[in-house]
PDB file of N, CA and C in Angstrom:
ATOM      1  N   MET A   1     128.478  45.046  45.041  1.00  0.00           N
ATOM      2  CA  MET A   1     129.510  46.052  45.203  1.00  0.00           C
ATOM      3  C   MET A   1     129.608  46.857  43.905  1.00  0.00           C
ATOM      4  N   ALA A   2     129.613  48.152  44.022  1.00  0.00           N
ATOM      5  CA  ALA A   2     129.692  49.011  42.845  1.00  0.00           C
ATOM      6  C   ALA A   2     131.045  48.860  42.160  1.00  0.00           C
ATOM      7  N   ARG A   3     131.030  48.921  40.858  1.00  0.00           N
ATOM      8  CA  ARG A   3     132.274  48.789  40.086  1.00  0.00           C
ATOM      9  C   ARG A   3     132.567  50.106  39.382  1.00  0.00           C
ATOM     10  N   ASN A   4     132.949  51.084  40.168  1.00  0.00           N
ATOM     11  CA  ASN A   4     133.275  52.394  39.609  1.00  0.00           C
ATOM     12  C   ASN A   4     134.740  52.421  39.206  1.00  0.00           C
ATOM     13  N   ALA A   5     135.041  53.274  38.253  1.00  0.00           N
ATOM     14  CA  ALA A   5     136.433  53.449  37.843  1.00  0.00           C
ATOM     15  C   ALA A   5     137.231  53.979  39.026  1.00  0.00           C
ATOM     16  N   LEU A   6     138.466  53.525  39.142  1.00  0.00           N
ATOM     17  CA  LEU A   6     139.323  53.963  40.233  1.00  0.00           C
ATOM     18  C   LEU A   6     140.278  55.040  39.753  1.00  0.00           C
ATOM     19  N   SER A   7     140.588  55.941  40.647  1.00  0.00           N
ATOM     20  CA  SER A   7     141.546  56.991  40.338  1.00  0.00           C
ATOM     21  C   SER A   7     142.386  57.236  41.587  1.00  0.00           C
ATOM     22  N   PHE A   8     143.689  57.289  41.423  1.00  0.00           N
ATOM     23  CA  PHE A   8     144.581  57.487  42.560  1.00  0.00           C
ATOM     24  C   PHE A   8     145.603  58.560  42.234  1.00  0.00           C
ATOM     25  N   ARG A   9     146.063  59.229  43.267  1.00  0.00           N
ATOM     26  CA  ARG A   9     147.188  60.156  43.137  1.00  0.00           C
ATOM     27  C   ARG A   9     148.352  59.536  43.893  1.00  0.00           C
ATOM     28  N   PHE A  10     149.430  59.303  43.170  1.00  0.00           N
ATOM     29  CA  PHE A  10     150.625  58.727  43.780  1.00  0.00           C
ATOM     30  C   PHE A  10     151.664  59.814  43.982  1.00  0.00           C
ATOM     31  N   PRO A  11     152.547  59.626  44.970  1.00  0.00           N
ATOM     32  CA  PRO A  11     153.658  60.565  45.117  1.00  0.00           C
ATOM     33  C   PRO A  11     154.472  60.602  43.818  1.00  0.00           C
ATOM     34  N   GLU A  12     155.015  61.751  43.486  1.00  0.00           N
ATOM     35  CA  GLU A  12     155.723  61.931  42.217  1.00  0.00           C
ATOM     36  C   GLU A  12     156.854  60.921  42.047  1.00  0.00           C
ATOM     37  N   GLU A  13     157.574  60.613  43.111  1.00  0.00           N
ATOM     38  CA  GLU A  13     158.683  59.649  43.012  1.00  0.00           C
ATOM     39  C   GLU A  13     158.162  58.281  42.559  1.00  0.00           C
ATOM     40  N   PHE A  14     157.039  57.857  43.130  1.00  0.00           N
ATOM     41  CA  PHE A  14     156.445  56.580  42.743  1.00  0.00           C
ATOM     42  C   PHE A  14     155.959  56.633  41.296  1.00  0.00           C
ATOM     43  N   ALA A  15     155.286  57.728  40.938  1.00  0.00           N
ATOM     44  CA  ALA A  15     154.763  57.870  39.576  1.00  0.00           C
ATOM     45  C   ALA A  15     155.897  57.846  38.550  1.00  0.00           C
ATOM     46  N   ALA A  16     157.011  58.498  38.870  1.00  0.00           N
ATOM     47  CA  ALA A  16     158.166  58.497  37.960  1.00  0.00           C
ATOM     48  C   ALA A  16     158.714  57.084  37.806  1.00  0.00           C
ATOM     49  N   MET A  17     158.785  56.344  38.907  1.00  0.00           N
ATOM     50  CA  MET A  17     159.277  54.961  38.862  1.00  0.00           C
ATOM     51  C   MET A  17     158.342  54.108  38.014  1.00  0.00           C
ATOM     52  N   LEU A  18     157.038  54.278  38.199  1.00  0.00           N
ATOM     53  CA  LEU A  18     156.062  53.502  37.435  1.00  0.00           C
ATOM     54  C   LEU A  18     156.146  53.823  35.942  1.00  0.00           C
ATOM     55  N   ARG A  19     156.202  55.101  35.605  1.00  0.00           N
ATOM     56  CA  ARG A  19     156.305  55.491  34.190  1.00  0.00           C
ATOM     57  C   ARG A  19     157.578  54.934  33.562  1.00  0.00           C
ATOM     58  N   THR A  20     158.686  55.032  34.283  1.00  0.00           N
ATOM     59  CA  THR A  20     159.961  54.551  33.753  1.00  0.00           C
ATOM     60  C   THR A  20     159.959  53.032  33.641  1.00  0.00           C
ATOM     61  N   TRP A  21     159.393  52.357  34.629  1.00  0.00           N
ATOM     62  CA  TRP A  21     159.289  50.891  34.597  1.00  0.00           C
ATOM     63  C   TRP A  21     158.475  50.464  33.381  1.00  0.00           C
ATOM     64  N   SER A  22     157.399  51.190  33.140  1.00  0.00           N
ATOM     65  CA  SER A  22     156.553  50.910  31.990  1.00  0.00           C
ATOM     66  C   SER A  22     157.334  51.088  30.688  1.00  0.00           C
ATOM     67  N   PHE A  23     158.096  52.141  30.602  1.00  0.00           N
ATOM     68  CA  PHE A  23     158.899  52.411  29.408  1.00  0.00           C
ATOM     69  C   PHE A  23     159.945  51.322  29.188  1.00  0.00           C
ATOM     70  N   VAL A  24     160.663  50.969  30.250  1.00  0.00           N
ATOM     71  CA  VAL A  24     161.752  49.988  30.142  1.00  0.00           C
ATOM     72  C   VAL A  24     161.214  48.603  29.795  1.00  0.00           C
ATOM     73  N   THR A  25     160.106  48.212  30.420  1.00  0.00           N
ATOM     74  CA  THR A  25     159.566  46.868  30.206  1.00  0.00           C
ATOM     75  C   THR A  25     158.578  46.798  29.053  1.00  0.00           C
ATOM     76  N   GLU A  26     158.184  47.977  28.524  1.00  0.00           N
ATOM     77  CA  GLU A  26     157.176  48.057  27.474  1.00  0.00           C
ATOM     78  C   GLU A  26     155.850  47.447  27.900  1.00  0.00           C
ATOM     79  N   LYS A  27     155.524  47.572  29.194  1.00  0.00           N
ATOM     80  CA  LYS A  27     154.254  47.089  29.737  1.00  0.00           C
ATOM     81  C   LYS A  27     153.402  48.289  30.120  1.00  0.00           C
ATOM     82  N   ASP A  28     152.090  48.129  29.994  1.00  0.00           N
ATOM     83  CA  ASP A  28     151.150  49.153  30.398  1.00  0.00           C
ATOM     84  C   ASP A  28     151.240  49.363  31.922  1.00  0.00           C
ATOM     85  N   GLN A  29     151.105  50.598  32.369  1.00  0.00           N
ATOM     86  CA  GLN A  29     151.194  50.896  33.801  1.00  0.00           C
ATOM     87  C   GLN A  29     150.138  50.134  34.597  1.00  0.00           C
ATOM     88  N   ARG A  30     148.938  50.010  34.053  1.00  0.00           N
ATOM     89  CA  ARG A  30     147.884  49.256  34.753  1.00  0.00           C
ATOM     90  C   ARG A  30     148.263  47.793  34.921  1.00  0.00           C
ATOM     91  N   THR A  31     148.897  47.224  33.916  1.00  0.00           N
ATOM     92  CA  THR A  31     149.338  45.832  33.991  1.00  0.00           C
ATOM     93  C   THR A  31     150.381  45.676  35.095  1.00  0.00           C
ATOM     94  N   ILE A  32     151.313  46.608  35.161  1.00  0.00           N
ATOM     95  CA  ILE A  32     152.353  46.560  36.192  1.00  0.00           C
ATOM     96  C   ILE A  32     151.722  46.635  37.576  1.00  0.00           C
ATOM     97  N   LEU A  33     150.780  47.564  37.768  1.00  0.00           N
ATOM     98  CA  LEU A  33     150.122  47.690  39.073  1.00  0.00           C
ATOM     99  C   LEU A  33     149.312  46.441  39.416  1.00  0.00           C
ATOM    100  N   GLN A  34     148.636  45.878  38.423  1.00  0.00           N
ATOM    101  CA  GLN A  34     147.853  44.660  38.671  1.00  0.00           C
ATOM    102  C   GLN A  34     148.767  43.503  39.060  1.00  0.00           C
ATOM    103  N   GLU A  35     149.861  43.332  38.346  1.00  0.00           N
ATOM    104  CA  GLU A  35     150.810  42.264  38.673  1.00  0.00           C
ATOM    105  C   GLU A  35     151.393  42.464  40.073  1.00  0.00           C
ATOM    106  N   ALA A  36     151.728  43.701  40.403  1.00  0.00           N
ATOM    107  CA  ALA A  36     152.310  43.984  41.712  1.00  0.00           C
ATOM    108  C   ALA A  36     151.303  43.704  42.822  1.00  0.00           C
ATOM    109  N   PHE A  37     150.043  44.120  42.624  1.00  0.00           N
ATOM    110  CA  PHE A  37     149.047  43.878  43.665  1.00  0.00           C
ATOM    111  C   PHE A  37     148.732  42.395  43.802  1.00  0.00           C
ATOM    112  N   THR A  38     148.690  41.675  42.695  1.00  0.00           N
ATOM    113  CA  THR A  38     148.461  40.227  42.750  1.00  0.00           C
ATOM    114  C   THR A  38     149.569  39.544  43.548  1.00  0.00           C
ATOM    115  N   GLU A  39     150.801  39.939  43.301  1.00  0.00           N
ATOM    116  CA  GLU A  39     151.928  39.376  44.053  1.00  0.00           C
ATOM    117  C   GLU A  39     151.809  39.732  45.534  1.00  0.00           C
ATOM    118  N   TYR A  40     151.454  40.976  45.826  1.00  0.00           N
ATOM    119  CA  TYR A  40     151.278  41.419  47.215  1.00  0.00           C
ATOM    120  C   TYR A  40     150.192  40.583  47.902  1.00  0.00           C
ATOM    121  N   ALA A  41     149.060  40.394  47.225  1.00  0.00           N
ATOM    122  CA  ALA A  41     147.959  39.622  47.805  1.00  0.00           C
ATOM    123  C   ALA A  41     148.380  38.179  48.059  1.00  0.00           C
ATOM    124  N   ASN A  42     149.120  37.610  47.139  1.00  0.00           N
ATOM    125  CA  ASN A  42     149.575  36.233  47.308  1.00  0.00           C
ATOM    126  C   ASN A  42     150.579  36.103  48.454  1.00  0.00           C
ATOM    127  N   ASN A  43     151.276  37.185  48.772  1.00  0.00           N
ATOM    128  CA  ASN A  43     152.222  37.177  49.896  1.00  0.00           C
ATOM    129  C   ASN A  43     151.540  37.422  51.233  1.00  0.00           C
ATOM    130  N   HIS A  44     150.243  37.711  51.219  1.00  0.00           N
ATOM    131  CA  HIS A  44     149.452  37.940  52.431  1.00  0.00           C
ATOM    132  C   HIS A  44     148.196  37.071  52.367  1.00  0.00           C
ATOM    133  N   PRO A  45     148.377  35.743  52.432  1.00  0.00           N
ATOM    134  CA  PRO A  45     147.246  34.833  52.196  1.00  0.00           C
ATOM    135  C   PRO A  45     146.112  34.957  53.213  1.00  0.00           C
ATOM    136  N   ASP A  46     146.426  35.298  54.470  1.00  0.00           N
ATOM    137  CA  ASP A  46     145.354  35.430  55.458  1.00  0.00           C
ATOM    138  C   ASP A  46     144.413  36.574  55.111  1.00  0.00           C
ATOM    139  N   THR A  47     144.975  37.707  54.772  1.00  0.00           N
ATOM    140  CA  THR A  47     144.157  38.858  54.397  1.00  0.00           C
ATOM    141  C   THR A  47     143.441  38.583  53.080  1.00  0.00           C
ATOM    142  N   LYS A  48     144.125  37.966  52.131  1.00  0.00           N
ATOM    143  CA  LYS A  48     143.501  37.649  50.842  1.00  0.00           C
ATOM    144  C   LYS A  48     142.280  36.767  51.047  1.00  0.00           C
ATOM    145  N   GLU A  49     142.380  35.772  51.906  1.00  0.00           N
ATOM    146  CA  GLU A  49     141.257  34.869  52.178  1.00  0.00           C
ATOM    147  C   GLU A  49     140.086  35.628  52.785  1.00  0.00           C
ATOM    148  N   LYS A  50     140.356  36.524  53.724  1.00  0.00           N
ATOM    149  CA  LYS A  50     139.291  37.325  54.336  1.00  0.00           C
ATOM    150  C   LYS A  50     138.615  38.203  53.282  1.00  0.00           C
ATOM    151  N   VAL A  51     139.408  38.819  52.417  1.00  0.00           N
ATOM    152  CA  VAL A  51     138.855  39.675  51.372  1.00  0.00           C
ATOM    153  C   VAL A  51     137.978  38.864  50.432  1.00  0.00           C
ATOM    154  N   LEU A  52     138.442  37.686  50.025  1.00  0.00           N
ATOM    155  CA  LEU A  52     137.650  36.844  49.129  1.00  0.00           C
ATOM    156  C   LEU A  52     136.346  36.407  49.794  1.00  0.00           C
ATOM    157  N   GLN A  53     136.384  36.142  51.098  1.00  0.00           N
ATOM    158  CA  GLN A  53     135.167  35.775  51.816  1.00  0.00           C
ATOM    159  C   GLN A  53     134.171  36.923  51.796  1.00  0.00           C
ATOM    160  N   VAL A  54     134.643  38.139  52.031  1.00  0.00           N
ATOM    161  CA  VAL A  54     133.751  39.293  52.011  1.00  0.00           C
ATOM    162  C   VAL A  54     133.149  39.470  50.615  1.00  0.00           C
ATOM    163  N   ILE A  55     133.974  39.372  49.588  1.00  0.00           N
ATOM    164  CA  ILE A  55     133.485  39.525  48.214  1.00  0.00           C
ATOM    165  C   ILE A  55     132.438  38.484  47.915  1.00  0.00           C
ATOM    166  N   ASN A  56     132.693  37.241  48.279  1.00  0.00           N
ATOM    167  CA  ASN A  56     131.722  36.163  48.012  1.00  0.00           C
ATOM    168  C   ASN A  56     130.435  36.352  48.798  1.00  0.00           C
ATOM    169  N   THR A  57     130.538  36.883  50.011  1.00  0.00           N
ATOM    170  CA  THR A  57     129.349  37.133  50.820  1.00  0.00           C
ATOM    171  C   THR A  57     128.482  38.219  50.205  1.00  0.00           C
ATOM    172  N   LEU A  58     129.128  39.221  49.622  1.00  0.00           N
ATOM    173  CA  LEU A  58     128.398  40.345  49.036  1.00  0.00           C
ATOM    174  C   LEU A  58     127.778  40.038  47.679  1.00  0.00           C
ATOM    175  N   LYS A  59     128.168  38.929  47.068  1.00  0.00           N
ATOM    176  CA  LYS A  59     127.621  38.563  45.747  1.00  0.00           C
ATOM    177  C   LYS A  59     126.192  38.100  45.860  1.00  0.00           C
TER     178      LYS A  59
END
């Protein structure tokens, strides 16, 4: 699987929340997004397992 840099455009309201969250917590925006996605994945174990299976198959 190719490992290209990712780029996303978020709605301005979300981007403002992320920037402000980063400022208040003194955490990097990427760290906040990574933590949030990790929590999301852990809350959806069936999908997470399927994704991990696909990743392992493609290795």
